[in-house]
Amino acid sequence: MTALTVAGVLLGGALAGCGGATAPAPTAFAPTSPAPASPSAPTPGATTSAAPKKPPTMAPGPAGRTPVFERRPTGGGAAAEDAAEKVVALTFDADMTADQGPRAKAGERFDNPELIALLRRLKVPSTVFMTGRWAEEYPAQAKGIGTDGLFEVANHSYSHYAFTADCYGLPVVAKDAMTRDVERAFSAFRQAGVRNVVPYFRFPGGCYDDAALRALGPANVTAVQWDVVSGDAFATDAGAVAEQVLDGVRPGSLVVMHCTRSAAPVTAAAIGRIVPELRKRGYRFVKVSELMEG
C-alpha cells in the first residue's frame, strides 16, 4: 500500500461525514504580509528560515491544471541523493469537519496546543494545513499559529469534503464548487486573523484526479502532497510513528502528520523523538515554501 493510500485510509476513517454550506464567490489568492516573529519564534542562528514575502508556487500544468508538489527533487540516483542538501519539511494537518462542532462542545479535542508548543520549544519551522472549520472552532489558536514566524498556514479545504469520488467514504465536493470551497477556507483564515498564509492546498484524504486538478485551477494554488506518511493518525505507539518517519525521510522529503489530538494522540511524543534524531543525522527543518524554492 502506497503512502498516499495509507494516509487516505487514516484520514478518511477519521473525517468522514463532513458538512457543507453555501460558499462565497471565489477570488484569487492574495498572500498576506509575513508577521513579525513572535517572542516564541526562532532566535538568530536557529534552524529555520524567514517566511518569503512572495511564497514560491509551481506553474500551472496543461490547460491550467493545478500543479502538484510532493518533495524537492534531487536529480535522481543514489549519488545525487547523497549530495543533496539535507532538508526536510514537517507538515501538520489541522483537520475538522463541519459536523464535528457538537463533538467539540462535548469535549472532544480537534486541536493540539501541546504539539504546537513543542515545535516552538524545539524551534522547528513547520507548515500547518488547516481546514476552515478548524480555524472557526479554534480562532485564537489559528491566529497564534498564523502570526508566528515559525509557521506558515496552508489550505486543507473548508470542511474536508473529498475532491474525487470514492475517497475513503468522504462526502464529495461538486466540481463547480471546488474553488469556492478553497476560498471559503482562506476567508476563515482571514476572519481568524491568520497572516502567514501561503497559496498551497492539500486535498482531503490525499485524493485527486485530473478532473479535480482542472476544476481547482482558478483557485491559483499549488497542491502539496508528501513522500513520507507518518502513520500518526489513530496511532497509540509514538515509537512506531517515529520509526516510520525516520525510515522514510530522504533529502528533500515532505512528511505528513496531524495536529488533531483526538485523532492523532501520540504525534507530539513522536516529534520529541524525530526532531533530535534527524538533526543528529544532519537534517535541517524547513517550511514547504522553502522546500519548494529549491
C-alpha atoms as a PDB file:
ATOM      1  CA  MET A   1       0.000   0.000   0.000  1.00  0.00           C
ATOM      2  CA  THR A   2       1.432   3.376  -1.003  1.00  0.00           C
ATOM      3  CA  ALA A   3       1.983   6.237   1.431  1.00  0.00           C
ATOM      4  CA  LEU A   4      -0.820   8.135  -0.279  1.00  0.00           C
ATOM      5  CA  THR A   5      -3.227   5.223   0.168  1.00  0.00           C
ATOM      6  CA  VAL A   6      -2.272   4.679   3.792  1.00  0.00           C
ATOM      7  CA  ALA A   7      -2.726   8.353   4.566  1.00  0.00           C
ATOM      8  CA  GLY A   8      -6.054   8.422   2.793  1.00  0.00           C
ATOM      9  CA  VAL A   9      -7.366   5.451   4.744  1.00  0.00           C
ATOM     10  CA  LEU A  10      -6.385   7.020   8.017  1.00  0.00           C
ATOM     11  CA  LEU A  11      -7.744  10.429   7.155  1.00  0.00           C
ATOM     12  CA  GLY A  12     -10.928   9.063   5.636  1.00  0.00           C
ATOM     13  CA  GLY A  13     -11.729   7.000   8.686  1.00  0.00           C
ATOM     14  CA  ALA A  14     -11.293   9.974  10.974  1.00  0.00           C
ATOM     15  CA  LEU A  15     -13.014  12.593   8.938  1.00  0.00           C
ATOM     16  CA  ALA A  16     -15.963  11.060   7.131  1.00  0.00           C
ATOM     17  CA  GLY A  17     -19.272  12.889   7.374  1.00  0.00           C
ATOM     18  CA  CYS A  18     -18.347  16.474   6.517  1.00  0.00           C
ATOM     19  CA  GLY A  19     -20.953  19.211   6.454  1.00  0.00           C
ATOM     20  CA  GLY A  20     -21.295  21.898   3.841  1.00  0.00           C
ATOM     21  CA  ALA A  21     -22.739  25.332   3.285  1.00  0.00           C
ATOM     22  CA  THR A  22     -23.024  27.916   0.575  1.00  0.00           C
ATOM     23  CA  ALA A  23     -19.608  29.469  -0.007  1.00  0.00           C
ATOM     24  CA  PRO A  24     -18.745  32.960  -1.219  1.00  0.00           C
ATOM     25  CA  ALA A  25     -17.721  33.563  -4.795  1.00  0.00           C
ATOM     26  CA  PRO A  26     -14.081  32.655  -5.428  1.00  0.00           C
ATOM     27  CA  THR A  27     -11.347  35.248  -5.510  1.00  0.00           C
ATOM     28  CA  ALA A  28      -7.725  34.909  -6.456  1.00  0.00           C
ATOM     29  CA  PHE A  29      -5.393  34.095  -3.606  1.00  0.00           C
ATOM     30  CA  ALA A  30      -3.525  37.151  -2.336  1.00  0.00           C
ATOM     31  CA  PRO A  31      -0.723  36.294   0.099  1.00  0.00           C
ATOM     32  CA  THR A  32      -0.610  38.368   3.254  1.00  0.00           C
ATOM     33  CA  SER A  33       2.488  40.052   4.550  1.00  0.00           C
ATOM     34  CA  PRO A  34       4.529  37.854   6.870  1.00  0.00           C
ATOM     35  CA  ALA A  35       4.013  38.685  10.516  1.00  0.00           C
ATOM     36  CA  PRO A  36       6.901  39.776  12.695  1.00  0.00           C
ATOM     37  CA  ALA A  37       8.426  36.941  14.649  1.00  0.00           C
ATOM     38  CA  SER A  38       6.646  36.421  17.938  1.00  0.00           C
ATOM     39  CA  PRO A  39       8.511  36.070  21.239  1.00  0.00           C
ATOM     40  CA  SER A  40       8.259  32.309  20.788  1.00  0.00           C
ATOM     41  CA  ALA A  41       9.640  32.361  17.259  1.00  0.00           C
ATOM     42  CA  PRO A  42      13.165  31.128  16.496  1.00  0.00           C
ATOM     43  CA  THR A  43      16.117  33.170  17.665  1.00  0.00           C
ATOM     44  CA  PRO A  44      19.038  34.091  15.371  1.00  0.00           C
ATOM     45  CA  GLY A  45      21.048  31.035  14.465  1.00  0.00           C
ATOM     46  CA  ALA A  46      18.137  28.641  14.972  1.00  0.00           C
ATOM     47  CA  THR A  47      17.316  26.004  12.380  1.00  0.00           C
ATOM     48  CA  THR A  48      14.713  27.929  10.402  1.00  0.00           C
ATOM     49  CA  SER A  49      14.207  30.463   7.646  1.00  0.00           C
ATOM     50  CA  ALA A  50      12.200  33.658   7.338  1.00  0.00           C
ATOM     51  CA  ALA A  51       8.879  33.383   5.573  1.00  0.00           C
ATOM     52  CA  PRO A  52       9.250  34.634   1.988  1.00  0.00           C
ATOM     53  CA  LYS A  53       7.327  37.778   1.081  1.00  0.00           C
ATOM     54  CA  LYS A  54       6.001  36.025  -2.005  1.00  0.00           C
ATOM     55  CA  PRO A  55       5.759  32.280  -1.437  1.00  0.00           C
ATOM     56  CA  PRO A  56       7.019  30.228  -4.386  1.00  0.00           C
ATOM     57  CA  THR A  57       4.485  28.314  -6.428  1.00  0.00           C
ATOM     58  CA  MET A  58       4.652  25.924  -9.338  1.00  0.00           C
ATOM     59  CA  ALA A  59       3.500  26.928 -12.794  1.00  0.00           C
ATOM     60  CA  PRO A  60       0.086  25.614 -13.829  1.00  0.00           C
ATOM     61  CA  GLY A  61       0.036  22.438 -15.854  1.00  0.00           C
ATOM     62  CA  PRO A  62      -1.534  21.947 -19.297  1.00  0.00           C
ATOM     63  CA  ALA A  63      -4.902  23.660 -19.706  1.00  0.00           C
ATOM     64  CA  GLY A  64      -4.416  25.451 -16.394  1.00  0.00           C
ATOM     65  CA  ARG A  65      -4.359  22.310 -14.274  1.00  0.00           C
ATOM     66  CA  THR A  66      -3.358  22.814 -10.628  1.00  0.00           C
ATOM     67  CA  PRO A  67       0.293  21.770 -10.223  1.00  0.00           C
ATOM     68  CA  VAL A  68       1.249  19.139  -7.621  1.00  0.00           C
ATOM     69  CA  PHE A  69       4.349  19.213  -5.394  1.00  0.00           C
ATOM     70  CA  GLU A  70       5.446  16.122  -3.447  1.00  0.00           C
ATOM     71  CA  ARG A  71       9.085  16.633  -2.472  1.00  0.00           C
ATOM     72  CA  ARG A  72      12.176  18.544  -3.518  1.00  0.00           C
ATOM     73  CA  PRO A  73      13.762  16.716  -6.465  1.00  0.00           C
ATOM     74  CA  THR A  74      17.352  15.553  -6.013  1.00  0.00           C
ATOM     75  CA  GLY A  75      18.204  14.823  -9.623  1.00  0.00           C
ATOM     76  CA  GLY A  76      17.793  11.072  -9.420  1.00  0.00           C
ATOM     77  CA  GLY A  77      20.143   8.305  -8.435  1.00  0.00           C
ATOM     78  CA  ALA A  78      21.857   7.415  -5.184  1.00  0.00           C
ATOM     79  CA  ALA A  79      24.836   9.699  -5.833  1.00  0.00           C
ATOM     80  CA  ALA A  80      22.580  12.714  -6.414  1.00  0.00           C
ATOM     81  CA  GLU A  81      20.615  11.973  -3.262  1.00  0.00           C
ATOM     82  CA  ASP A  82      23.786  11.620  -1.208  1.00  0.00           C
ATOM     83  CA  ALA A  83      24.957  15.016  -2.465  1.00  0.00           C
ATOM     84  CA  ALA A  84      21.600  16.756  -1.944  1.00  0.00           C
ATOM     85  CA  GLU A  85      21.064  19.224   0.866  1.00  0.00           C
ATOM     86  CA  LYS A  86      19.643  17.500   3.935  1.00  0.00           C
ATOM     87  CA  VAL A  87      16.410  19.414   4.352  1.00  0.00           C
ATOM     88  CA  VAL A  88      13.008  18.076   5.356  1.00  0.00           C
ATOM     89  CA  ALA A  89       9.589  19.700   5.719  1.00  0.00           C
ATOM     90  CA  LEU A  90       7.283  18.563   8.501  1.00  0.00           C
ATOM     91  CA  THR A  91       3.639  19.333   7.751  1.00  0.00           C
ATOM     92  CA  PHE A  92       0.673  19.026  10.102  1.00  0.00           C
ATOM     93  CA  ASP A  93      -2.961  18.720   9.038  1.00  0.00           C
ATOM     94  CA  ALA A  94      -5.339  20.563  11.379  1.00  0.00           C
ATOM     95  CA  ASP A  95      -8.494  18.683  10.491  1.00  0.00           C
ATOM     96  CA  MET A  96     -12.074  19.320  11.464  1.00  0.00           C
ATOM     97  CA  THR A  97     -15.311  18.730   9.608  1.00  0.00           C
ATOM     98  CA  ALA A  98     -18.405  20.878   9.662  1.00  0.00           C
ATOM     99  CA  ASP A  99     -20.438  18.283  11.566  1.00  0.00           C
ATOM    100  CA  GLN A 100     -17.952  17.891  14.419  1.00  0.00           C
ATOM    101  CA  GLY A 101     -18.989  21.040  16.277  1.00  0.00           C
ATOM    102  CA  PRO A 102     -21.239  19.165  18.729  1.00  0.00           C
ATOM    103  CA  ARG A 103     -18.414  16.746  19.466  1.00  0.00           C
ATOM    104  CA  ALA A 104     -16.074  19.645  20.167  1.00  0.00           C
ATOM    105  CA  LYS A 105     -18.643  21.198  22.507  1.00  0.00           C
ATOM    106  CA  ALA A 106     -18.915  17.851  24.284  1.00  0.00           C
ATOM    107  CA  GLY A 107     -15.185  17.938  24.996  1.00  0.00           C
ATOM    108  CA  GLU A 108     -13.510  16.191  22.073  1.00  0.00           C
ATOM    109  CA  ARG A 109     -10.296  17.990  21.148  1.00  0.00           C
ATOM    110  CA  PHE A 110      -9.504  18.518  17.495  1.00  0.00           C
ATOM    111  CA  ASP A 111      -6.617  20.845  18.356  1.00  0.00           C
ATOM    112  CA  ASN A 112      -3.198  20.031  19.802  1.00  0.00           C
ATOM    113  CA  PRO A 113      -1.678  23.044  21.598  1.00  0.00           C
ATOM    114  CA  GLU A 114       0.939  20.822  23.254  1.00  0.00           C
ATOM    115  CA  LEU A 115       2.281  19.861  19.829  1.00  0.00           C
ATOM    116  CA  ILE A 116       2.497  23.486  18.704  1.00  0.00           C
ATOM    117  CA  ALA A 117       4.229  24.413  21.965  1.00  0.00           C
ATOM    118  CA  LEU A 118       6.745  21.597  21.440  1.00  0.00           C
ATOM    119  CA  LEU A 119       7.513  22.735  17.892  1.00  0.00           C
ATOM    120  CA  ARG A 120       8.162  26.188  19.297  1.00  0.00           C
ATOM    121  CA  ARG A 121      10.447  24.896  22.038  1.00  0.00           C
ATOM    122  CA  LEU A 122      12.371  22.786  19.530  1.00  0.00           C
ATOM    123  CA  LYS A 123      12.388  25.670  17.021  1.00  0.00           C
ATOM    124  CA  VAL A 124      11.065  23.568  14.147  1.00  0.00           C
ATOM    125  CA  PRO A 125       9.749  25.579  11.182  1.00  0.00           C
ATOM    126  CA  SER A 126       6.558  23.887  10.018  1.00  0.00           C
ATOM    127  CA  THR A 127       3.642  24.193   7.622  1.00  0.00           C
ATOM    128  CA  VAL A 128       0.146  23.677   9.030  1.00  0.00           C
ATOM    129  CA  PHE A 129      -2.525  22.609   6.542  1.00  0.00           C
ATOM    130  CA  MET A 130      -5.673  23.915   8.177  1.00  0.00           C
ATOM    131  CA  THR A 131      -9.326  23.415   7.371  1.00  0.00           C
ATOM    132  CA  GLY A 132     -11.518  26.482   7.528  1.00  0.00           C
ATOM    133  CA  ARG A 133     -13.764  24.742  10.023  1.00  0.00           C
ATOM    134  CA  TRP A 134     -10.788  24.207  12.365  1.00  0.00           C
ATOM    135  CA  ALA A 135      -9.948  27.917  12.173  1.00  0.00           C
ATOM    136  CA  GLU A 136     -13.547  28.757  13.076  1.00  0.00           C
ATOM    137  CA  GLU A 137     -13.554  26.377  16.045  1.00  0.00           C
ATOM    138  CA  TYR A 138     -10.159  27.490  17.363  1.00  0.00           C
ATOM    139  CA  PRO A 139      -9.711  31.088  16.147  1.00  0.00           C
ATOM    140  CA  ALA A 140      -7.260  32.096  18.894  1.00  0.00           C
ATOM    141  CA  GLN A 141      -5.034  29.126  18.163  1.00  0.00           C
ATOM    142  CA  ALA A 142      -5.311  29.674  14.409  1.00  0.00           C
ATOM    143  CA  LYS A 143      -4.253  33.290  14.865  1.00  0.00           C
ATOM    144  CA  GLY A 144      -1.427  32.294  17.207  1.00  0.00           C
ATOM    145  CA  ILE A 145      -0.054  29.832  14.666  1.00  0.00           C
ATOM    146  CA  GLY A 146      -0.651  32.156  11.743  1.00  0.00           C
ATOM    147  CA  THR A 147       1.103  35.170  13.262  1.00  0.00           C
ATOM    148  CA  ASP A 148       4.173  33.282  14.483  1.00  0.00           C
ATOM    149  CA  GLY A 149       7.091  33.452  12.062  1.00  0.00           C
ATOM    150  CA  LEU A 150       7.953  29.845  12.860  1.00  0.00           C
ATOM    151  CA  PHE A 151       4.868  28.640  10.975  1.00  0.00           C
ATOM    152  CA  GLU A 152       3.041  29.109   7.706  1.00  0.00           C
ATOM    153  CA  VAL A 153      -0.610  28.182   7.186  1.00  0.00           C
ATOM    154  CA  ALA A 154      -1.841  26.402   4.068  1.00  0.00           C
ATOM    155  CA  ASN A 155      -5.306  25.381   2.919  1.00  0.00           C
ATOM    156  CA  HIS A 156      -6.792  21.939   3.596  1.00  0.00           C
ATOM    157  CA  SER A 157     -10.312  22.811   2.330  1.00  0.00           C
ATOM    158  CA  TYR A 158     -13.149  24.243   4.375  1.00  0.00           C
ATOM    159  CA  SER A 159     -14.684  21.096   5.854  1.00  0.00           C
ATOM    160  CA  HIS A 160     -12.714  18.174   4.447  1.00  0.00           C
ATOM    161  CA  TYR A 161     -15.043  17.065   1.660  1.00  0.00           C
ATOM    162  CA  ALA A 162     -13.337  14.886  -0.960  1.00  0.00           C
ATOM    163  CA  PHE A 163     -12.354  16.275  -4.347  1.00  0.00           C
ATOM    164  CA  THR A 164     -12.864  12.893  -6.030  1.00  0.00           C
ATOM    165  CA  ALA A 165     -15.440  10.137  -5.742  1.00  0.00           C
ATOM    166  CA  ASP A 166     -14.677   7.045  -3.646  1.00  0.00           C
ATOM    167  CA  CYS A 167     -12.227   8.815  -1.337  1.00  0.00           C
ATOM    168  CA  TYR A 168     -12.466   6.628   1.769  1.00  0.00           C
ATOM    169  CA  GLY A 169     -16.109   7.426   2.435  1.00  0.00           C
ATOM    170  CA  LEU A 170     -15.799  11.219   2.459  1.00  0.00           C
ATOM    171  CA  PRO A 171     -18.655  13.291   1.008  1.00  0.00           C
ATOM    172  CA  VAL A 172     -17.737  14.804  -2.338  1.00  0.00           C
ATOM    173  CA  VAL A 173     -17.426  18.448  -3.366  1.00  0.00           C
ATOM    174  CA  ALA A 174     -19.093  19.184  -6.688  1.00  0.00           C
ATOM    175  CA  LYS A 175     -16.638  20.119  -9.423  1.00  0.00           C
ATOM    176  CA  ASP A 176     -18.176  23.576  -9.827  1.00  0.00           C
ATOM    177  CA  ALA A 177     -17.847  24.220  -6.077  1.00  0.00           C
ATOM    178  CA  MET A 178     -14.207  23.259  -5.571  1.00  0.00           C
ATOM    179  CA  THR A 179     -12.712  26.714  -5.977  1.00  0.00           C
ATOM    180  CA  ARG A 180     -15.398  28.193  -3.717  1.00  0.00           C
ATOM    181  CA  ASP A 181     -14.609  25.601  -1.053  1.00  0.00           C
ATOM    182  CA  VAL A 182     -10.921  26.531  -1.096  1.00  0.00           C
ATOM    183  CA  GLU A 183     -11.710  30.242  -0.964  1.00  0.00           C
ATOM    184  CA  ARG A 184     -14.094  29.693   1.936  1.00  0.00           C
ATOM    185  CA  ALA A 185     -11.204  28.243   3.928  1.00  0.00           C
ATOM    186  CA  PHE A 186      -8.984  31.219   3.061  1.00  0.00           C
ATOM    187  CA  SER A 187     -11.822  33.502   4.211  1.00  0.00           C
ATOM    188  CA  ALA A 188     -11.989  31.662   7.536  1.00  0.00           C
ATOM    189  CA  PHE A 189      -8.256  32.222   7.985  1.00  0.00           C
ATOM    190  CA  ARG A 190      -8.643  35.936   7.343  1.00  0.00           C
ATOM    191  CA  GLN A 191     -11.513  36.186   9.802  1.00  0.00           C
ATOM    192  CA  ALA A 192      -9.425  34.468  12.468  1.00  0.00           C
ATOM    193  CA  GLY A 193      -6.529  36.885  11.927  1.00  0.00           C
ATOM    194  CA  VAL A 194      -4.160  34.389  10.324  1.00  0.00           C
ATOM    195  CA  ARG A 195      -1.432  36.293   8.472  1.00  0.00           C
ATOM    196  CA  ASN A 196       1.270  33.849   7.380  1.00  0.00           C
ATOM    197  CA  VAL A 197      -0.886  32.239   4.695  1.00  0.00           C
ATOM    198  CA  VAL A 198       0.668  30.521   1.687  1.00  0.00           C
ATOM    199  CA  PRO A 199      -1.087  29.582  -1.589  1.00  0.00           C
ATOM    200  CA  TYR A 200      -0.798  25.837  -1.049  1.00  0.00           C
ATOM    201  CA  PHE A 201      -3.615  23.299  -0.888  1.00  0.00           C
ATOM    202  CA  ARG A 202      -3.755  19.728   0.379  1.00  0.00           C
ATOM    203  CA  PHE A 203      -6.539  17.529  -0.949  1.00  0.00           C
ATOM    204  CA  PRO A 204      -8.643  15.910   1.807  1.00  0.00           C
ATOM    205  CA  GLY A 205      -7.665  12.258   2.016  1.00  0.00           C
ATOM    206  CA  GLY A 206      -4.868  12.994  -0.426  1.00  0.00           C
ATOM    207  CA  CYS A 207      -7.343  12.148  -3.215  1.00  0.00           C
ATOM    208  CA  TYR A 208      -7.266  13.929  -6.552  1.00  0.00           C
ATOM    209  CA  ASP A 209      -7.643  13.206 -10.239  1.00  0.00           C
ATOM    210  CA  ASP A 210      -7.268  15.084 -13.484  1.00  0.00           C
ATOM    211  CA  ALA A 211     -10.789  16.489 -13.253  1.00  0.00           C
ATOM    212  CA  ALA A 212     -10.074  17.897  -9.784  1.00  0.00           C
ATOM    213  CA  LEU A 213      -6.826  19.488 -10.975  1.00  0.00           C
ATOM    214  CA  ARG A 214      -8.712  21.119 -13.834  1.00  0.00           C
ATOM    215  CA  ALA A 215     -11.578  22.306 -11.639  1.00  0.00           C
ATOM    216  CA  LEU A 216      -9.282  23.775  -8.999  1.00  0.00           C
ATOM    217  CA  GLY A 217      -7.210  25.771 -11.497  1.00  0.00           C
ATOM    218  CA  PRO A 218      -8.996  29.100 -10.813  1.00  0.00           C
ATOM    219  CA  ALA A 219      -8.016  28.897  -7.131  1.00  0.00           C
ATOM    220  CA  ASN A 220      -4.399  29.723  -8.073  1.00  0.00           C
ATOM    221  CA  VAL A 221      -2.869  27.301  -5.600  1.00  0.00           C
ATOM    222  CA  THR A 222      -0.173  24.647  -5.725  1.00  0.00           C
ATOM    223  CA  ALA A 223      -1.356  21.274  -4.442  1.00  0.00           C
ATOM    224  CA  VAL A 224       1.014  19.800  -1.865  1.00  0.00           C
ATOM    225  CA  GLN A 225       1.165  16.067  -1.220  1.00  0.00           C
ATOM    226  CA  TRP A 226       4.028  14.198   0.510  1.00  0.00           C
ATOM    227  CA  ASP A 227       6.521  11.378   0.085  1.00  0.00           C
ATOM    228  CA  VAL A 228       6.609  10.251   3.751  1.00  0.00           C
ATOM    229  CA  VAL A 229       3.456   9.253   5.623  1.00  0.00           C
ATOM    230  CA  SER A 230       3.939   9.243   9.378  1.00  0.00           C
ATOM    231  CA  GLY A 231       1.117   6.895  10.284  1.00  0.00           C
ATOM    232  CA  ASP A 232       0.276   9.064  13.311  1.00  0.00           C
ATOM    233  CA  ALA A 233      -3.496   9.061  12.736  1.00  0.00           C
ATOM    234  CA  PHE A 234      -5.075   6.789  15.368  1.00  0.00           C
ATOM    235  CA  ALA A 235      -1.634   5.555  16.386  1.00  0.00           C
ATOM    236  CA  THR A 236      -1.001   4.659  20.031  1.00  0.00           C
ATOM    237  CA  ASP A 237       2.730   3.908  19.760  1.00  0.00           C
ATOM    238  CA  ALA A 238       4.825   7.068  19.418  1.00  0.00           C
ATOM    239  CA  GLY A 239       7.953   4.992  18.853  1.00  0.00           C
ATOM    240  CA  ALA A 240       6.417   3.249  15.846  1.00  0.00           C
ATOM    241  CA  VAL A 241       5.388   6.590  14.337  1.00  0.00           C
ATOM    242  CA  ALA A 242       8.877   8.000  14.872  1.00  0.00           C
ATOM    243  CA  GLU A 243      10.488   4.921  13.344  1.00  0.00           C
ATOM    244  CA  GLN A 244       8.263   5.109  10.261  1.00  0.00           C
ATOM    245  CA  VAL A 245       9.226   8.744   9.682  1.00  0.00           C
ATOM    246  CA  LEU A 246      12.917   8.200  10.339  1.00  0.00           C
ATOM    247  CA  ASP A 247      12.976   5.215   7.980  1.00  0.00           C
ATOM    248  CA  GLY A 248      11.259   7.189   5.216  1.00  0.00           C
ATOM    249  CA  VAL A 249      12.967  10.592   5.285  1.00  0.00           C
ATOM    250  CA  ARG A 250      15.413  11.404   2.482  1.00  0.00           C
ATOM    251  CA  PRO A 251      16.941  14.754   1.467  1.00  0.00           C
ATOM    252  CA  GLY A 252      14.083  16.937   0.274  1.00  0.00           C
ATOM    253  CA  SER A 253      11.341  14.856   1.909  1.00  0.00           C
ATOM    254  CA  LEU A 254       7.921  16.176   2.834  1.00  0.00           C
ATOM    255  CA  VAL A 255       6.278  14.451   5.827  1.00  0.00           C
ATOM    256  CA  VAL A 256       2.539  14.414   6.549  1.00  0.00           C
ATOM    257  CA  MET A 257       1.449  14.400  10.206  1.00  0.00           C
ATOM    258  CA  HIS A 258      -1.557  15.713  12.136  1.00  0.00           C
ATOM    259  CA  CYS A 259      -2.425  18.446  14.597  1.00  0.00           C
ATOM    260  CA  THR A 260      -5.626  16.901  15.947  1.00  0.00           C
ATOM    261  CA  ARG A 261      -5.326  15.475  19.434  1.00  0.00           C
ATOM    262  CA  SER A 262      -8.366  13.187  19.351  1.00  0.00           C
ATOM    263  CA  ALA A 263      -7.368  11.510  16.070  1.00  0.00           C
ATOM    264  CA  ALA A 264      -3.581  11.606  16.468  1.00  0.00           C
ATOM    265  CA  PRO A 265      -2.810  11.464  20.210  1.00  0.00           C
ATOM    266  CA  VAL A 266       0.881  10.476  20.069  1.00  0.00           C
ATOM    267  CA  THR A 267       2.143  12.976  17.485  1.00  0.00           C
ATOM    268  CA  ALA A 268       3.847  15.267  19.990  1.00  0.00           C
ATOM    269  CA  ALA A 269       5.642  12.334  21.623  1.00  0.00           C
ATOM    270  CA  ALA A 270       6.783  11.128  18.202  1.00  0.00           C
ATOM    271  CA  ILE A 271       8.066  14.604  17.297  1.00  0.00           C
ATOM    272  CA  GLY A 272      10.099  14.548  20.518  1.00  0.00           C
ATOM    273  CA  ARG A 273      11.996  11.591  19.051  1.00  0.00           C
ATOM    274  CA  ILE A 274      12.006  12.526  15.366  1.00  0.00           C
ATOM    275  CA  VAL A 275      13.445  16.023  15.622  1.00  0.00           C
ATOM    276  CA  PRO A 276      16.587  15.270  17.690  1.00  0.00           C
ATOM    277  CA  GLU A 277      17.395  12.195  15.609  1.00  0.00           C
ATOM    278  CA  LEU A 278      17.052  13.954  12.251  1.00  0.00           C
ATOM    279  CA  ARG A 279      19.175  16.835  13.497  1.00  0.00           C
ATOM    280  CA  LYS A 280      21.747  14.302  14.638  1.00  0.00           C
ATOM    281  CA  ARG A 281      21.740  12.961  11.077  1.00  0.00           C
ATOM    282  CA  GLY A 282      22.432  16.451   9.763  1.00  0.00           C
ATOM    283  CA  TYR A 283      18.956  17.445   8.612  1.00  0.00           C
ATOM    284  CA  ARG A 284      17.634  20.987   8.650  1.00  0.00           C
ATOM    285  CA  PHE A 285      13.911  21.620   9.051  1.00  0.00           C
ATOM    286  CA  VAL A 286      12.193  23.973   6.599  1.00  0.00           C
ATOM    287  CA  LYS A 287       8.692  25.060   5.697  1.00  0.00           C
ATOM    288  CA  VAL A 288       7.133  23.880   2.463  1.00  0.00           C
ATOM    289  CA  SER A 289       7.743  27.307   0.923  1.00  0.00           C
ATOM    290  CA  GLU A 290      11.493  26.918   1.396  1.00  0.00           C
ATOM    291  CA  LEU A 291      11.469  23.312   0.229  1.00  0.00           C
ATOM    292  CA  MET A 292       9.698  24.422  -2.934  1.00  0.00           C
ATOM    293  CA  GLU A 293      12.242  27.190  -3.547  1.00  0.00           C
ATOM    294  CA  GLY A 294      14.974  24.591  -4.014  1.00  0.00           C
END
